[in-house]
Amino acid sequence: MSALTRLFLWLVLMASSGAVALAATASAATFPRELSTYAQSPAAGLWSVLQARVAAEPFNLAATAIFICAVLHTFLAPKISQWGRLVEERHRARLQQQRPTTDRDDNGQPDEVSFGGQILHFFGEVEAVFGIWAV
């Protein structure tokens, strides 16, 4: 295939992808919906408002659940870090009972670490909490 043919195909693909993207955005509904588009009564409580909005837009249930999990995870992060340290201490004690530990890098820590403790420590980091729930 000659360079001119490849250039022509590339230009056709670029031109058509822009047209397809423009057509898709013109016909797509906006998300999230405007608050004024939901049917609501002024005296409705929180639970009835949530039920009505989930009935109108089912993804609102998933979004609410994700938000609640993120908030709970944020408040539990210090406790999760504490659990991670506890799991690592138990793992280190178990290793010392079984056999002599090796410390090849001379940092005072055994070379073998607790996978569960490392995972709990990761989930207890505030930066990880924001990164996990942002994705």
N, C-alpha and C. Protein backbone atom coordinates (compact mmCIF):
# COMPACT_ATOMS: atom_id res chain seq x y z
N MET A 1 0.86 -1.17 0.00
CA MET A 1 0.00 0.00 0.00
C MET A 1 0.90 1.23 0.00
N SER A 2 0.62 2.11 -0.87
CA SER A 2 1.47 3.29 -1.00
C SER A 2 1.18 4.30 0.11
N ALA A 3 2.09 5.21 0.29
CA ALA A 3 1.96 6.23 1.32
C ALA A 3 0.77 7.14 1.04
N LEU A 4 0.50 7.40 -0.23
CA LEU A 4 -0.63 8.26 -0.59
C LEU A 4 -1.96 7.58 -0.24
N THR A 5 -2.05 6.27 -0.47
CA THR A 5 -3.26 5.53 -0.15
C THR A 5 -3.48 5.50 1.36
N ARG A 6 -2.42 5.28 2.14
CA ARG A 6 -2.54 5.27 3.60
C ARG A 6 -2.96 6.64 4.12
N LEU A 7 -2.42 7.68 3.54
CA LEU A 7 -2.80 9.03 3.94
C LEU A 7 -4.26 9.30 3.64
N PHE A 8 -4.72 8.87 2.48
CA PHE A 8 -6.12 9.05 2.10
C PHE A 8 -7.04 8.28 3.05
N LEU A 9 -6.70 7.02 3.37
CA LEU A 9 -7.51 6.24 4.30
C LEU A 9 -7.54 6.87 5.69
N TRP A 10 -6.41 7.37 6.12
CA TRP A 10 -6.34 8.01 7.42
C TRP A 10 -7.24 9.25 7.46
N LEU A 11 -7.22 10.05 6.41
CA LEU A 11 -8.06 11.25 6.35
C LEU A 11 -9.54 10.89 6.33
N VAL A 12 -9.91 9.84 5.59
CA VAL A 12 -11.31 9.40 5.54
C VAL A 12 -11.76 8.93 6.92
N LEU A 13 -10.92 8.15 7.60
CA LEU A 13 -11.27 7.67 8.94
C LEU A 13 -11.42 8.82 9.93
N MET A 14 -10.54 9.78 9.89
CA MET A 14 -10.62 10.92 10.80
C MET A 14 -11.86 11.75 10.52
N ALA A 15 -12.18 11.97 9.28
CA ALA A 15 -13.36 12.76 8.93
C ALA A 15 -14.64 12.04 9.33
N SER A 16 -14.69 10.74 9.11
CA SER A 16 -15.91 10.00 9.44
C SER A 16 -16.07 9.83 10.94
N SER A 17 -14.99 9.70 11.69
CA SER A 17 -15.12 9.54 13.14
C SER A 17 -15.67 10.82 13.77
N GLY A 18 -15.29 11.96 13.26
CA GLY A 18 -15.84 13.21 13.77
C GLY A 18 -17.32 13.33 13.49
N ALA A 19 -17.75 12.91 12.32
CA ALA A 19 -19.17 12.96 11.97
C ALA A 19 -19.97 12.00 12.83
N VAL A 20 -19.43 10.82 13.08
CA VAL A 20 -20.12 9.83 13.93
C VAL A 20 -20.23 10.36 15.36
N ALA A 21 -19.17 10.93 15.87
CA ALA A 21 -19.20 11.47 17.23
C ALA A 21 -20.19 12.62 17.35
N LEU A 22 -20.27 13.46 16.34
CA LEU A 22 -21.21 14.57 16.36
C LEU A 22 -22.64 14.07 16.33
N ALA A 23 -22.91 13.05 15.51
CA ALA A 23 -24.26 12.48 15.44
C ALA A 23 -24.63 11.81 16.76
N ALA A 24 -23.69 11.16 17.40
CA ALA A 24 -23.97 10.48 18.66
C ALA A 24 -24.29 11.48 19.76
N THR A 25 -23.58 12.59 19.82
CA THR A 25 -23.84 13.57 20.88
C THR A 25 -25.14 14.33 20.63
N ALA A 26 -25.53 14.47 19.39
CA ALA A 26 -26.77 15.18 19.11
C ALA A 26 -27.98 14.37 19.53
N SER A 27 -27.91 13.04 19.40
CA SER A 27 -29.07 12.21 19.71
C SER A 27 -29.05 11.67 21.13
N ALA A 28 -27.94 11.75 21.82
CA ALA A 28 -27.83 11.19 23.16
C ALA A 28 -28.54 12.07 24.18
N ALA A 29 -29.15 11.42 25.16
CA ALA A 29 -29.79 12.15 26.25
C ALA A 29 -28.72 12.63 27.21
N THR A 30 -28.98 13.73 27.87
CA THR A 30 -28.01 14.25 28.82
C THR A 30 -28.08 13.45 30.11
N PHE A 31 -26.92 13.23 30.69
CA PHE A 31 -26.86 12.55 31.98
C PHE A 31 -25.83 13.27 32.82
N PRO A 32 -26.09 13.60 34.00
CA PRO A 32 -27.31 13.33 34.75
C PRO A 32 -28.44 14.26 34.34
N ARG A 33 -29.64 13.78 34.59
CA ARG A 33 -30.82 14.57 34.23
C ARG A 33 -30.90 15.84 35.08
N GLU A 34 -31.54 16.82 34.53
CA GLU A 34 -31.80 18.05 35.29
C GLU A 34 -32.76 17.73 36.43
N LEU A 35 -32.58 18.36 37.57
CA LEU A 35 -33.46 18.10 38.72
C LEU A 35 -34.90 18.48 38.42
N SER A 36 -35.10 19.46 37.56
CA SER A 36 -36.46 19.90 37.24
C SER A 36 -37.22 18.87 36.40
N THR A 37 -36.53 17.90 35.79
CA THR A 37 -37.22 16.90 34.97
C THR A 37 -37.81 15.77 35.80
N TYR A 38 -37.46 15.67 37.07
CA TYR A 38 -38.03 14.64 37.93
C TYR A 38 -39.37 15.11 38.48
N ALA A 39 -40.34 14.20 38.51
CA ALA A 39 -41.64 14.52 39.11
C ALA A 39 -41.49 14.41 40.62
N GLN A 40 -41.84 15.48 41.32
CA GLN A 40 -41.71 15.45 42.77
C GLN A 40 -42.76 16.34 43.41
N SER A 41 -43.14 15.94 44.62
CA SER A 41 -44.07 16.77 45.37
C SER A 41 -43.27 17.53 46.42
N PRO A 42 -43.68 18.74 46.75
CA PRO A 42 -42.91 19.56 47.69
C PRO A 42 -42.84 18.96 49.10
N ALA A 43 -43.85 18.18 49.49
CA ALA A 43 -43.89 17.64 50.85
C ALA A 43 -43.27 16.25 50.94
N ALA A 44 -42.70 15.75 49.87
CA ALA A 44 -42.15 14.40 49.86
C ALA A 44 -40.91 14.31 50.73
N GLY A 45 -40.79 13.18 51.42
CA GLY A 45 -39.61 12.95 52.25
C GLY A 45 -38.44 12.45 51.41
N LEU A 46 -37.31 12.29 52.06
CA LEU A 46 -36.09 11.85 51.37
C LEU A 46 -36.28 10.49 50.72
N TRP A 47 -36.84 9.54 51.46
CA TRP A 47 -37.01 8.18 50.94
C TRP A 47 -37.92 8.15 49.71
N SER A 48 -39.02 8.87 49.74
CA SER A 48 -39.93 8.87 48.59
C SER A 48 -39.31 9.58 47.39
N VAL A 49 -38.51 10.62 47.63
CA VAL A 49 -37.82 11.31 46.54
C VAL A 49 -36.82 10.36 45.89
N LEU A 50 -36.05 9.63 46.72
CA LEU A 50 -35.08 8.66 46.18
C LEU A 50 -35.77 7.56 45.38
N GLN A 51 -36.88 7.05 45.90
CA GLN A 51 -37.61 6.00 45.18
C GLN A 51 -38.12 6.50 43.83
N ALA A 52 -38.64 7.71 43.80
CA ALA A 52 -39.16 8.25 42.55
C ALA A 52 -38.03 8.48 41.55
N ARG A 53 -36.89 8.94 42.01
CA ARG A 53 -35.77 9.19 41.10
C ARG A 53 -35.15 7.89 40.59
N VAL A 54 -35.12 6.86 41.42
CA VAL A 54 -34.62 5.55 40.97
C VAL A 54 -35.60 4.95 39.96
N ALA A 55 -36.89 5.15 40.17
CA ALA A 55 -37.87 4.64 39.21
C ALA A 55 -37.73 5.37 37.87
N ALA A 56 -37.43 6.66 37.91
CA ALA A 56 -37.28 7.43 36.68
C ALA A 56 -35.95 7.14 35.99
N GLU A 57 -34.90 6.95 36.75
CA GLU A 57 -33.55 6.71 36.20
C GLU A 57 -32.88 5.64 37.07
N PRO A 58 -32.94 4.36 36.67
CA PRO A 58 -32.43 3.27 37.51
C PRO A 58 -30.95 3.38 37.88
N PHE A 59 -30.14 4.04 37.07
CA PHE A 59 -28.73 4.18 37.42
C PHE A 59 -28.52 5.00 38.68
N ASN A 60 -29.52 5.79 39.07
CA ASN A 60 -29.42 6.56 40.31
C ASN A 60 -29.21 5.65 41.52
N LEU A 61 -29.76 4.43 41.47
CA LEU A 61 -29.57 3.48 42.57
C LEU A 61 -28.10 3.08 42.66
N ALA A 62 -27.49 2.75 41.53
CA ALA A 62 -26.07 2.37 41.52
C ALA A 62 -25.20 3.55 41.96
N ALA A 63 -25.50 4.73 41.47
CA ALA A 63 -24.71 5.91 41.84
C ALA A 63 -24.82 6.21 43.33
N THR A 64 -26.01 6.05 43.89
CA THR A 64 -26.20 6.28 45.33
C THR A 64 -25.45 5.24 46.14
N ALA A 65 -25.51 3.98 45.71
CA ALA A 65 -24.79 2.91 46.42
C ALA A 65 -23.28 3.13 46.38
N ILE A 66 -22.76 3.53 45.23
CA ILE A 66 -21.33 3.81 45.11
C ILE A 66 -20.94 4.98 46.01
N PHE A 67 -21.75 6.00 46.05
CA PHE A 67 -21.47 7.17 46.89
C PHE A 67 -21.45 6.78 48.37
N ILE A 68 -22.43 5.99 48.80
CA ILE A 68 -22.50 5.57 50.21
C ILE A 68 -21.28 4.72 50.56
N CYS A 69 -20.91 3.79 49.67
CA CYS A 69 -19.72 2.96 49.92
C CYS A 69 -18.46 3.80 50.01
N ALA A 70 -18.34 4.81 49.16
CA ALA A 70 -17.16 5.68 49.19
C ALA A 70 -17.09 6.46 50.50
N VAL A 71 -18.22 6.97 50.96
CA VAL A 71 -18.23 7.73 52.22
C VAL A 71 -17.88 6.81 53.39
N LEU A 72 -18.48 5.61 53.43
CA LEU A 72 -18.16 4.67 54.50
C LEU A 72 -16.69 4.27 54.47
N HIS A 73 -16.16 4.01 53.29
CA HIS A 73 -14.75 3.64 53.15
C HIS A 73 -13.84 4.76 53.65
N THR A 74 -14.22 6.00 53.37
CA THR A 74 -13.43 7.14 53.83
C THR A 74 -13.35 7.18 55.35
N PHE A 75 -14.48 6.96 56.02
CA PHE A 75 -14.48 7.01 57.47
C PHE A 75 -13.85 5.77 58.10
N LEU A 76 -13.87 4.64 57.40
CA LEU A 76 -13.28 3.41 57.93
C LEU A 76 -11.81 3.23 57.58
N ALA A 77 -11.24 4.12 56.79
CA ALA A 77 -9.85 3.97 56.35
C ALA A 77 -8.86 3.83 57.51
N PRO A 78 -8.94 4.62 58.57
CA PRO A 78 -7.98 4.42 59.68
C PRO A 78 -8.13 3.04 60.34
N LYS A 79 -9.36 2.58 60.48
CA LYS A 79 -9.59 1.26 61.08
C LYS A 79 -9.05 0.16 60.17
N ILE A 80 -9.20 0.31 58.86
CA ILE A 80 -8.69 -0.67 57.91
C ILE A 80 -7.17 -0.72 57.98
N SER A 81 -6.52 0.43 58.11
CA SER A 81 -5.06 0.46 58.27
C SER A 81 -4.64 -0.25 59.55
N GLN A 82 -5.39 -0.04 60.61
CA GLN A 82 -5.09 -0.71 61.88
C GLN A 82 -5.22 -2.23 61.72
N TRP A 83 -6.25 -2.69 61.02
CA TRP A 83 -6.40 -4.13 60.77
C TRP A 83 -5.22 -4.66 59.96
N GLY A 84 -4.75 -3.88 59.00
CA GLY A 84 -3.60 -4.28 58.20
C GLY A 84 -2.35 -4.46 59.04
N ARG A 85 -2.11 -3.53 59.98
CA ARG A 85 -0.95 -3.66 60.87
C ARG A 85 -1.09 -4.89 61.76
N LEU A 86 -2.30 -5.15 62.25
CA LEU A 86 -2.54 -6.32 63.09
C LEU A 86 -2.29 -7.61 62.32
N VAL A 87 -2.77 -7.70 61.09
CA VAL A 87 -2.56 -8.89 60.27
C VAL A 87 -1.08 -9.08 59.99
N GLU A 88 -0.35 -8.00 59.71
CA GLU A 88 1.09 -8.11 59.46
C GLU A 88 1.84 -8.56 60.71
N GLU A 89 1.46 -8.05 61.88
CA GLU A 89 2.11 -8.47 63.13
C GLU A 89 1.87 -9.95 63.39
N ARG A 90 0.65 -10.41 63.19
CA ARG A 90 0.35 -11.84 63.38
C ARG A 90 1.13 -12.70 62.39
N HIS A 91 1.24 -12.24 61.17
CA HIS A 91 1.99 -12.98 60.15
C HIS A 91 3.47 -13.05 60.54
N ARG A 92 4.02 -11.94 61.00
CA ARG A 92 5.43 -11.89 61.41
C ARG A 92 5.68 -12.83 62.59
N ALA A 93 4.75 -12.86 63.57
CA ALA A 93 4.89 -13.75 64.72
C ALA A 93 4.82 -15.21 64.28
N ARG A 94 3.94 -15.52 63.35
CA ARG A 94 3.82 -16.89 62.84
C ARG A 94 5.10 -17.31 62.12
N LEU A 95 5.70 -16.39 61.37
CA LEU A 95 6.95 -16.70 60.67
C LEU A 95 8.09 -16.95 61.65
N GLN A 96 8.13 -16.20 62.74
CA GLN A 96 9.20 -16.37 63.72
C GLN A 96 9.08 -17.71 64.44
N GLN A 97 7.87 -18.21 64.62
CA GLN A 97 7.68 -19.50 65.27
C GLN A 97 8.06 -20.65 64.34
N GLN A 98 7.84 -20.49 63.05
CA GLN A 98 8.07 -21.58 62.10
C GLN A 98 9.55 -21.77 61.81
N ARG A 99 10.24 -20.75 61.45
CA ARG A 99 11.63 -20.87 61.01
C ARG A 99 12.31 -19.52 61.17
N PRO A 100 13.61 -19.52 61.12
CA PRO A 100 14.29 -18.23 61.18
C PRO A 100 13.97 -17.39 59.94
N THR A 101 13.73 -16.13 60.16
CA THR A 101 13.39 -15.25 59.05
C THR A 101 14.64 -14.76 58.35
N THR A 102 14.50 -14.47 57.08
CA THR A 102 15.61 -13.92 56.32
C THR A 102 15.38 -12.44 56.12
N ASP A 103 16.46 -11.70 56.13
CA ASP A 103 16.40 -10.26 55.92
C ASP A 103 17.55 -9.88 54.99
N ARG A 104 17.33 -10.09 53.71
CA ARG A 104 18.38 -9.87 52.73
C ARG A 104 18.69 -8.40 52.50
N ASP A 105 17.71 -7.53 52.73
CA ASP A 105 17.96 -6.11 52.46
C ASP A 105 18.31 -5.32 53.72
N ASP A 106 18.46 -6.00 54.85
CA ASP A 106 18.89 -5.39 56.12
C ASP A 106 18.06 -4.18 56.54
N ASN A 107 16.73 -4.29 56.39
CA ASN A 107 15.87 -3.19 56.83
C ASN A 107 15.17 -3.51 58.14
N GLY A 108 15.48 -4.66 58.74
CA GLY A 108 14.86 -5.04 60.00
C GLY A 108 13.52 -5.71 59.84
N GLN A 109 13.04 -5.88 58.63
CA GLN A 109 11.77 -6.54 58.34
C GLN A 109 12.05 -7.87 57.64
N PRO A 110 11.27 -8.91 57.92
CA PRO A 110 11.48 -10.16 57.18
C PRO A 110 11.14 -9.97 55.71
N ASP A 111 11.79 -10.78 54.87
CA ASP A 111 11.57 -10.65 53.42
C ASP A 111 10.16 -11.06 53.03
N GLU A 112 9.59 -12.03 53.72
CA GLU A 112 8.24 -12.47 53.40
C GLU A 112 7.25 -11.58 54.14
N VAL A 113 6.27 -11.06 53.42
CA VAL A 113 5.27 -10.18 54.03
C VAL A 113 3.89 -10.81 53.90
N SER A 114 2.96 -10.30 54.67
CA SER A 114 1.58 -10.77 54.62
C SER A 114 0.84 -10.08 53.49
N PHE A 115 0.35 -10.87 52.54
CA PHE A 115 -0.39 -10.30 51.42
C PHE A 115 -1.66 -9.61 51.92
N GLY A 116 -2.38 -10.27 52.83
CA GLY A 116 -3.61 -9.67 53.37
C GLY A 116 -3.34 -8.37 54.10
N GLY A 117 -2.24 -8.34 54.86
CA GLY A 117 -1.87 -7.12 55.57
C GLY A 117 -1.54 -5.99 54.62
N GLN A 118 -0.84 -6.32 53.53
CA GLN A 118 -0.50 -5.29 52.54
C GLN A 118 -1.75 -4.76 51.85
N ILE A 119 -2.69 -5.64 51.53
CA ILE A 119 -3.95 -5.22 50.88
C ILE A 119 -4.74 -4.32 51.83
N LEU A 120 -4.86 -4.73 53.09
CA LEU A 120 -5.58 -3.90 54.05
C LEU A 120 -4.90 -2.55 54.23
N HIS A 121 -3.59 -2.55 54.28
CA HIS A 121 -2.87 -1.28 54.40
C HIS A 121 -3.15 -0.38 53.19
N PHE A 122 -3.17 -0.98 52.00
CA PHE A 122 -3.47 -0.20 50.78
C PHE A 122 -4.87 0.39 50.85
N PHE A 123 -5.87 -0.41 51.24
CA PHE A 123 -7.24 0.08 51.30
C PHE A 123 -7.45 1.08 52.43
N GLY A 124 -6.50 1.16 53.36
CA GLY A 124 -6.59 2.15 54.43
C GLY A 124 -5.94 3.47 54.09
N GLU A 125 -5.24 3.55 52.98
CA GLU A 125 -4.61 4.80 52.57
C GLU A 125 -5.67 5.75 52.00
N VAL A 126 -5.66 6.99 52.47
CA VAL A 126 -6.66 7.97 52.02
C VAL A 126 -6.56 8.21 50.52
N GLU A 127 -5.35 8.27 50.01
CA GLU A 127 -5.17 8.49 48.57
C GLU A 127 -5.79 7.35 47.77
N ALA A 128 -5.64 6.13 48.26
CA ALA A 128 -6.22 4.98 47.57
C ALA A 128 -7.74 5.03 47.61
N VAL A 129 -8.29 5.49 48.73
CA VAL A 129 -9.75 5.60 48.84
C VAL A 129 -10.29 6.50 47.75
N PHE A 130 -9.70 7.67 47.59
CA PHE A 130 -10.18 8.60 46.57
C PHE A 130 -9.96 8.04 45.17
N GLY A 131 -8.82 7.41 44.95
CA GLY A 131 -8.54 6.83 43.63
C GLY A 131 -9.48 5.70 43.27
N ILE A 132 -9.75 4.83 44.23
CA ILE A 132 -10.63 3.68 43.98
C ILE A 132 -12.03 4.14 43.63
N TRP A 133 -12.58 5.04 44.42
CA TRP A 133 -13.97 5.43 44.20
C TRP A 133 -14.13 6.45 43.07
N ALA A 134 -13.06 7.10 42.67
CA ALA A 134 -13.15 8.00 41.51
C ALA A 134 -13.26 7.21 40.23
N VAL A 135 -12.64 6.04 40.21
CA VAL A 135 -12.70 5.19 39.02
C VAL A 135 -14.04 4.53 38.99
